[in-house]
Amino acid sequence: MKLVTVFTAFNPAEADLVRSRLDAADFHPVITHGLSALSIDGYALAAGGILVQVPEDEAGDAREFLAPPSADAPPA
């Protein structure tokens, strides 16, 4: 199974929040490179970031799900 990155974060809490949102929407997310970001005194040192990935066949729908609402979208 090939995984595709749908979100990159430099904060572990943000990556986990996105993973939780995707999981609740019935996607199959995985967090990789979870140790690639380090925060010291509010400064982030990162090497590529923390990746939130889903199986390739879910990538398009997951990106659409995570995208901010369009300016022309009717209010909810």
PDB file of N, CA and C in Angstrom:
ATOM      1  N   MET A   1       0.856  -1.175   0.000  1.00  0.00           N
ATOM      2  CA  MET A   1       0.000   0.000   0.000  1.00  0.00           C
ATOM      3  C   MET A   1       0.895   1.230   0.000  1.00  0.00           C
ATOM      4  N   LYS A   2       0.690   2.096  -0.982  1.00  0.00           N
ATOM      5  CA  LYS A   2       1.457   3.326  -1.091  1.00  0.00           C
ATOM      6  C   LYS A   2       0.752   4.421  -0.297  1.00  0.00           C
ATOM      7  N   LEU A   3       1.527   5.146   0.541  1.00  0.00           N
ATOM      8  CA  LEU A   3       0.980   6.261   1.314  1.00  0.00           C
ATOM      9  C   LEU A   3       1.336   7.578   0.640  1.00  0.00           C
ATOM     10  N   VAL A   4       0.420   8.544   0.742  1.00  0.00           N
ATOM     11  CA  VAL A   4       0.602   9.863   0.142  1.00  0.00           C
ATOM     12  C   VAL A   4       0.437  10.905   1.246  1.00  0.00           C
ATOM     13  N   THR A   5       1.323  11.886   1.263  1.00  0.00           N
ATOM     14  CA  THR A   5       1.260  12.955   2.263  1.00  0.00           C
ATOM     15  C   THR A   5       0.148  13.934   1.910  1.00  0.00           C
ATOM     16  N   VAL A   6      -0.749  14.172   2.866  1.00  0.00           N
ATOM     17  CA  VAL A   6      -1.837  15.127   2.656  1.00  0.00           C
ATOM     18  C   VAL A   6      -1.701  16.345   3.569  1.00  0.00           C
ATOM     19  N   PHE A   7      -0.775  16.275   4.534  1.00  0.00           N
ATOM     20  CA  PHE A   7      -0.576  17.404   5.448  1.00  0.00           C
ATOM     21  C   PHE A   7       0.816  17.287   6.054  1.00  0.00           C
ATOM     22  N   THR A   8       1.503  18.417   6.170  1.00  0.00           N
ATOM     23  CA  THR A   8       2.808  18.473   6.818  1.00  0.00           C
ATOM     24  C   THR A   8       2.726  19.467   7.964  1.00  0.00           C
ATOM     25  N   ALA A   9       3.197  19.052   9.134  1.00  0.00           N
ATOM     26  CA  ALA A   9       3.161  19.914  10.317  1.00  0.00           C
ATOM     27  C   ALA A   9       4.547  19.954  10.945  1.00  0.00           C
ATOM     28  N   PHE A  10       4.787  20.988  11.734  1.00  0.00           N
ATOM     29  CA  PHE A  10       6.031  21.078  12.487  1.00  0.00           C
ATOM     30  C   PHE A  10       5.753  21.002  13.978  1.00  0.00           C
ATOM     31  N   ASN A  11       4.496  20.777  14.316  1.00  0.00           N
ATOM     32  CA  ASN A  11       4.062  20.669  15.703  1.00  0.00           C
ATOM     33  C   ASN A  11       3.360  19.323  15.857  1.00  0.00           C
ATOM     34  N   PRO A  12       3.830  18.468  16.761  1.00  0.00           N
ATOM     35  CA  PRO A  12       3.218  17.151  16.921  1.00  0.00           C
ATOM     36  C   PRO A  12       1.731  17.212  17.267  1.00  0.00           C
ATOM     37  N   ALA A  13       1.310  18.203  18.043  1.00  0.00           N
ATOM     38  CA  ALA A  13      -0.102  18.320  18.410  1.00  0.00           C
ATOM     39  C   ALA A  13      -0.958  18.632  17.185  1.00  0.00           C
ATOM     40  N   GLU A  14      -0.453  19.476  16.290  1.00  0.00           N
ATOM     41  CA  GLU A  14      -1.198  19.812  15.069  1.00  0.00           C
ATOM     42  C   GLU A  14      -1.319  18.586  14.166  1.00  0.00           C
ATOM     43  N   ALA A  15      -0.242  17.826  14.036  1.00  0.00           N
ATOM     44  CA  ALA A  15      -0.282  16.602  13.225  1.00  0.00           C
ATOM     45  C   ALA A  15      -1.281  15.609  13.805  1.00  0.00           C
ATOM     46  N   ASP A  16      -1.305  15.485  15.125  1.00  0.00           N
ATOM     47  CA  ASP A  16      -2.236  14.556  15.762  1.00  0.00           C
ATOM     48  C   ASP A  16      -3.684  15.014  15.593  1.00  0.00           C
ATOM     49  N   LEU A  17      -3.924  16.318  15.636  1.00  0.00           N
ATOM     50  CA  LEU A  17      -5.267  16.853  15.432  1.00  0.00           C
ATOM     51  C   LEU A  17      -5.762  16.535  14.017  1.00  0.00           C
ATOM     52  N   VAL A  18      -4.913  16.742  13.031  1.00  0.00           N
ATOM     53  CA  VAL A  18      -5.286  16.447  11.642  1.00  0.00           C
ATOM     54  C   VAL A  18      -5.525  14.947  11.478  1.00  0.00           C
ATOM     55  N   ARG A  19      -4.654  14.124  12.062  1.00  0.00           N
ATOM     56  CA  ARG A  19      -4.850  12.669  12.001  1.00  0.00           C
ATOM     57  C   ARG A  19      -6.183  12.276  12.622  1.00  0.00           C
ATOM     58  N   SER A  20      -6.535  12.896  13.753  1.00  0.00           N
ATOM     59  CA  SER A  20      -7.805  12.595  14.416  1.00  0.00           C
ATOM     60  C   SER A  20      -9.003  12.989  13.561  1.00  0.00           C
ATOM     61  N   ARG A  21      -8.922  14.160  12.921  1.00  0.00           N
ATOM     62  CA  ARG A  21     -10.013  14.607  12.046  1.00  0.00           C
ATOM     63  C   ARG A  21     -10.204  13.637  10.888  1.00  0.00           C
ATOM     64  N   LEU A  22      -9.094  13.221  10.277  1.00  0.00           N
ATOM     65  CA  LEU A  22      -9.180  12.281   9.158  1.00  0.00           C
ATOM     66  C   LEU A  22      -9.719  10.934   9.620  1.00  0.00           C
ATOM     67  N   ASP A  23      -9.265  10.479  10.767  1.00  0.00           N
ATOM     68  CA  ASP A  23      -9.732   9.199  11.304  1.00  0.00           C
ATOM     69  C   ASP A  23     -11.231   9.241  11.585  1.00  0.00           C
ATOM     70  N   ALA A  24     -11.710  10.343  12.151  1.00  0.00           N
ATOM     71  CA  ALA A  24     -13.139  10.487  12.443  1.00  0.00           C
ATOM     72  C   ALA A  24     -13.984  10.533  11.165  1.00  0.00           C
ATOM     73  N   ALA A  25     -13.366  10.939  10.051  1.00  0.00           N
ATOM     74  CA  ALA A  25     -14.078  11.009   8.767  1.00  0.00           C
ATOM     75  C   ALA A  25     -13.900   9.712   7.963  1.00  0.00           C
ATOM     76  N   ASP A  26     -13.470   8.646   8.611  1.00  0.00           N
ATOM     77  CA  ASP A  26     -13.314   7.318   8.003  1.00  0.00           C
ATOM     78  C   ASP A  26     -12.195   7.202   6.974  1.00  0.00           C
ATOM     79  N   PHE A  27     -11.182   8.067   7.088  1.00  0.00           N
ATOM     80  CA  PHE A  27      -9.966   7.874   6.300  1.00  0.00           C
ATOM     81  C   PHE A  27      -9.053   6.968   7.127  1.00  0.00           C
ATOM     82  N   HIS A  28      -7.921   6.591   6.574  1.00  0.00           N
ATOM     83  CA  HIS A  28      -6.976   5.714   7.270  1.00  0.00           C
ATOM     84  C   HIS A  28      -5.619   6.415   7.378  1.00  0.00           C
ATOM     85  N   PRO A  29      -5.534   7.453   8.226  1.00  0.00           N
ATOM     86  CA  PRO A  29      -4.309   8.252   8.312  1.00  0.00           C
ATOM     87  C   PRO A  29      -3.205   7.585   9.137  1.00  0.00           C
ATOM     88  N   VAL A  30      -1.990   7.961   8.791  1.00  0.00           N
ATOM     89  CA  VAL A  30      -0.799   7.498   9.493  1.00  0.00           C
ATOM     90  C   VAL A  30       0.109   8.709   9.679  1.00  0.00           C
ATOM     91  N   ILE A  31       0.713   8.830  10.852  1.00  0.00           N
ATOM     92  CA  ILE A  31       1.694   9.890  11.084  1.00  0.00           C
ATOM     93  C   ILE A  31       3.079   9.281  10.920  1.00  0.00           C
ATOM     94  N   THR A  32       3.895   9.912  10.078  1.00  0.00           N
ATOM     95  CA  THR A  32       5.275   9.463   9.896  1.00  0.00           C
ATOM     96  C   THR A  32       6.222  10.615  10.192  1.00  0.00           C
ATOM     97  N   HIS A  33       7.445  10.284  10.482  1.00  0.00           N
ATOM     98  CA  HIS A  33       8.488  11.265  10.811  1.00  0.00           C
ATOM     99  C   HIS A  33       8.098  12.067  12.050  1.00  0.00           C
ATOM    100  N   GLY A  34       7.428  11.424  12.983  1.00  0.00           N
ATOM    101  CA  GLY A  34       6.955  12.101  14.190  1.00  0.00           C
ATOM    102  C   GLY A  34       8.054  12.687  15.043  1.00  0.00           C
ATOM    103  N   LEU A  35       9.263  12.225  14.881  1.00  0.00           N
ATOM    104  CA  LEU A  35      10.373  12.752  15.670  1.00  0.00           C
ATOM    105  C   LEU A  35      11.223  13.735  14.880  1.00  0.00           C
ATOM    106  N   SER A  36      10.747  14.169  13.723  1.00  0.00           N
ATOM    107  CA  SER A  36      11.566  15.035  12.887  1.00  0.00           C
ATOM    108  C   SER A  36      11.427  16.511  13.230  1.00  0.00           C
ATOM    109  N   ALA A  37      10.589  16.843  14.191  1.00  0.00           N
ATOM    110  CA  ALA A  37      10.426  18.242  14.592  1.00  0.00           C
ATOM    111  C   ALA A  37      10.759  18.347  16.067  1.00  0.00           C
ATOM    112  N   LEU A  38      11.412  19.426  16.434  1.00  0.00           N
ATOM    113  CA  LEU A  38      11.806  19.646  17.817  1.00  0.00           C
ATOM    114  C   LEU A  38      11.545  21.107  18.147  1.00  0.00           C
ATOM    115  N   SER A  39      10.918  21.359  19.262  1.00  0.00           N
ATOM    116  CA  SER A  39      10.633  22.732  19.672  1.00  0.00           C
ATOM    117  C   SER A  39      11.394  23.024  20.957  1.00  0.00           C
ATOM    118  N   ILE A  40      12.160  24.113  20.939  1.00  0.00           N
ATOM    119  CA  ILE A  40      12.920  24.527  22.115  1.00  0.00           C
ATOM    120  C   ILE A  40      12.599  25.988  22.388  1.00  0.00           C
ATOM    121  N   ASP A  41      12.061  26.262  23.565  1.00  0.00           N
ATOM    122  CA  ASP A  41      11.715  27.631  23.959  1.00  0.00           C
ATOM    123  C   ASP A  41      10.885  28.354  22.906  1.00  0.00           C
ATOM    124  N   GLY A  42       9.933  27.649  22.299  1.00  0.00           N
ATOM    125  CA  GLY A  42       9.036  28.272  21.328  1.00  0.00           C
ATOM    126  C   GLY A  42       9.574  28.339  19.914  1.00  0.00           C
ATOM    127  N   TYR A  43      10.818  27.905  19.704  1.00  0.00           N
ATOM    128  CA  TYR A  43      11.395  27.904  18.363  1.00  0.00           C
ATOM    129  C   TYR A  43      11.363  26.491  17.823  1.00  0.00           C
ATOM    130  N   ALA A  44      10.893  26.337  16.611  1.00  0.00           N
ATOM    131  CA  ALA A  44      10.794  25.003  16.009  1.00  0.00           C
ATOM    132  C   ALA A  44      12.012  24.741  15.133  1.00  0.00           C
ATOM    133  N   LEU A  45      12.629  23.615  15.368  1.00  0.00           N
ATOM    134  CA  LEU A  45      13.710  23.141  14.513  1.00  0.00           C
ATOM    135  C   LEU A  45      13.160  21.908  13.812  1.00  0.00           C
ATOM    136  N   ALA A  46      13.147  21.905  12.512  1.00  0.00           N
ATOM    137  CA  ALA A  46      12.521  20.788  11.824  1.00  0.00           C
ATOM    138  C   ALA A  46      13.352  20.356  10.629  1.00  0.00           C
ATOM    139  N   ALA A  47      13.241  19.085  10.330  1.00  0.00           N
ATOM    140  CA  ALA A  47      13.903  18.520   9.154  1.00  0.00           C
ATOM    141  C   ALA A  47      12.837  17.836   8.317  1.00  0.00           C
ATOM    142  N   GLY A  48      12.082  18.606   7.561  1.00  0.00           N
ATOM    143  CA  GLY A  48      11.074  18.020   6.683  1.00  0.00           C
ATOM    144  C   GLY A  48       9.687  17.957   7.277  1.00  0.00           C
ATOM    145  N   GLY A  49       9.583  18.074   8.577  1.00  0.00           N
ATOM    146  CA  GLY A  49       8.277  18.100   9.211  1.00  0.00           C
ATOM    147  C   GLY A  49       7.695  16.734   9.508  1.00  0.00           C
ATOM    148  N   ILE A  50       6.578  16.754  10.167  1.00  0.00           N
ATOM    149  CA  ILE A  50       5.830  15.556  10.526  1.00  0.00           C
ATOM    150  C   ILE A  50       4.784  15.360   9.427  1.00  0.00           C
ATOM    151  N   LEU A  51       4.733  14.184   8.855  1.00  0.00           N
ATOM    152  CA  LEU A  51       3.852  13.932   7.721  1.00  0.00           C
ATOM    153  C   LEU A  51       2.603  13.178   8.161  1.00  0.00           C
ATOM    154  N   VAL A  52       1.454  13.660   7.709  1.00  0.00           N
ATOM    155  CA  VAL A  52       0.201  12.932   7.878  1.00  0.00           C
ATOM    156  C   VAL A  52      -0.105  12.352   6.506  1.00  0.00           C
ATOM    157  N   GLN A  53      -0.170  11.023   6.446  1.00  0.00           N
ATOM    158  CA  GLN A  53      -0.334  10.342   5.173  1.00  0.00           C
ATOM    159  C   GLN A  53      -1.564   9.444   5.188  1.00  0.00           C
ATOM    160  N   VAL A  54      -2.106   9.224   4.000  1.00  0.00           N
ATOM    161  CA  VAL A  54      -3.240   8.306   3.815  1.00  0.00           C
ATOM    162  C   VAL A  54      -2.918   7.405   2.628  1.00  0.00           C
ATOM    163  N   PRO A  55      -3.635   6.279   2.497  1.00  0.00           N
ATOM    164  CA  PRO A  55      -3.437   5.442   1.303  1.00  0.00           C
ATOM    165  C   PRO A  55      -3.702   6.252   0.026  1.00  0.00           C
ATOM    166  N   GLU A  56      -2.980   5.910  -1.017  1.00  0.00           N
ATOM    167  CA  GLU A  56      -3.041   6.654  -2.275  1.00  0.00           C
ATOM    168  C   GLU A  56      -4.467   6.834  -2.790  1.00  0.00           C
ATOM    169  N   ASP A  57      -5.315   5.819  -2.665  1.00  0.00           N
ATOM    170  CA  ASP A  57      -6.672   5.919  -3.198  1.00  0.00           C
ATOM    171  C   ASP A  57      -7.566   6.864  -2.388  1.00  0.00           C
ATOM    172  N   GLU A  58      -7.132   7.291  -1.207  1.00  0.00           N
ATOM    173  CA  GLU A  58      -7.901   8.231  -0.378  1.00  0.00           C
ATOM    174  C   GLU A  58      -7.348   9.656  -0.441  1.00  0.00           C
ATOM    175  N   ALA A  59      -6.211   9.851  -1.090  1.00  0.00           N
ATOM    176  CA  ALA A  59      -5.496  11.128  -1.029  1.00  0.00           C
ATOM    177  C   ALA A  59      -6.316  12.316  -1.535  1.00  0.00           C
ATOM    178  N   GLY A  60      -6.951  12.187  -2.683  1.00  0.00           N
ATOM    179  CA  GLY A  60      -7.729  13.302  -3.236  1.00  0.00           C
ATOM    180  C   GLY A  60      -8.865  13.722  -2.318  1.00  0.00           C
ATOM    181  N   ASP A  61      -9.609  12.752  -1.826  1.00  0.00           N
ATOM    182  CA  ASP A  61     -10.723  13.057  -0.923  1.00  0.00           C
ATOM    183  C   ASP A  61     -10.224  13.637   0.399  1.00  0.00           C
ATOM    184  N   ALA A  62      -9.101  13.133   0.897  1.00  0.00           N
ATOM    185  CA  ALA A  62      -8.551  13.640   2.158  1.00  0.00           C
ATOM    186  C   ALA A  62      -8.088  15.079   2.004  1.00  0.00           C
ATOM    187  N   ARG A  63      -7.438  15.399   0.891  1.00  0.00           N
ATOM    188  CA  ARG A  63      -6.996  16.793   0.659  1.00  0.00           C
ATOM    189  C   ARG A  63      -8.207  17.727   0.566  1.00  0.00           C
ATOM    190  N   GLU A  64      -9.238  17.274  -0.114  1.00  0.00           N
ATOM    191  CA  GLU A  64     -10.462  18.080  -0.231  1.00  0.00           C
ATOM    192  C   GLU A  64     -11.099  18.280   1.146  1.00  0.00           C
ATOM    193  N   PHE A  65     -11.111  17.236   1.953  1.00  0.00           N
ATOM    194  CA  PHE A  65     -11.670  17.304   3.299  1.00  0.00           C
ATOM    195  C   PHE A  65     -10.905  18.312   4.161  1.00  0.00           C
ATOM    196  N   LEU A  66      -9.584  18.352   4.020  1.00  0.00           N
ATOM    197  CA  LEU A  66      -8.743  19.244   4.834  1.00  0.00           C
ATOM    198  C   LEU A  66      -8.666  20.670   4.297  1.00  0.00           C
ATOM    199  N   ALA A  67      -9.060  20.883   3.051  1.00  0.00           N
ATOM    200  CA  ALA A  67      -8.956  22.211   2.439  1.00  0.00           C
ATOM    201  C   ALA A  67      -9.859  23.210   3.146  1.00  0.00           C
ATOM    202  N   PRO A  68      -9.386  24.460   3.291  1.00  0.00           N
ATOM    203  CA  PRO A  68     -10.241  25.479   3.885  1.00  0.00           C
ATOM    204  C   PRO A  68     -11.445  25.735   2.989  1.00  0.00           C
ATOM    205  N   PRO A  69     -12.569  26.152   3.563  1.00  0.00           N
ATOM    206  CA  PRO A  69     -13.758  26.413   2.748  1.00  0.00           C
ATOM    207  C   PRO A  69     -13.487  27.506   1.717  1.00  0.00           C
ATOM    208  N   SER A  70     -14.090  27.329   0.569  1.00  0.00           N
ATOM    209  CA  SER A  70     -13.959  28.316  -0.500  1.00  0.00           C
ATOM    210  C   SER A  70     -14.698  29.601  -0.138  1.00  0.00           C
ATOM    211  N   ALA A  71     -14.201  30.721  -0.636  1.00  0.00           N
ATOM    212  CA  ALA A  71     -14.840  32.018  -0.365  1.00  0.00           C
ATOM    213  C   ALA A  71     -16.254  32.070  -0.961  1.00  0.00           C
ATOM    214  N   ASP A  72     -16.512  31.328  -2.076  1.00  0.00           N
ATOM    215  CA  ASP A  72     -17.833  31.361  -2.682  1.00  0.00           C
ATOM    216  C   ASP A  72     -18.772  30.274  -2.140  1.00  0.00           C
ATOM    217  N   ALA A  73     -18.293  29.485  -1.197  1.00  0.00           N
ATOM    218  CA  ALA A  73     -19.155  28.438  -0.624  1.00  0.00           C
ATOM    219  C   ALA A  73     -20.263  29.050   0.213  1.00  0.00           C
ATOM    220  N   PRO A  74     -21.474  28.512   0.113  1.00  0.00           N
ATOM    221  CA  PRO A  74     -22.565  29.052   0.935  1.00  0.00           C
ATOM    222  C   PRO A  74     -22.281  28.801   2.413  1.00  0.00           C
ATOM    223  N   PRO A  75     -22.707  29.697   3.296  1.00  0.00           N
ATOM    224  CA  PRO A  75     -22.471  29.509   4.723  1.00  0.00           C
ATOM    225  C   PRO A  75     -23.181  28.267   5.241  1.00  0.00           C
ATOM    226  N   ALA A  76     -22.559  27.627   6.190  1.00  0.00           N
ATOM    227  CA  ALA A  76     -23.147  26.399   6.746  1.00  0.00           C
ATOM    228  C   ALA A  76     -24.230  26.701   7.747  1.00  0.00           C
TER     229      ALA A  76
END
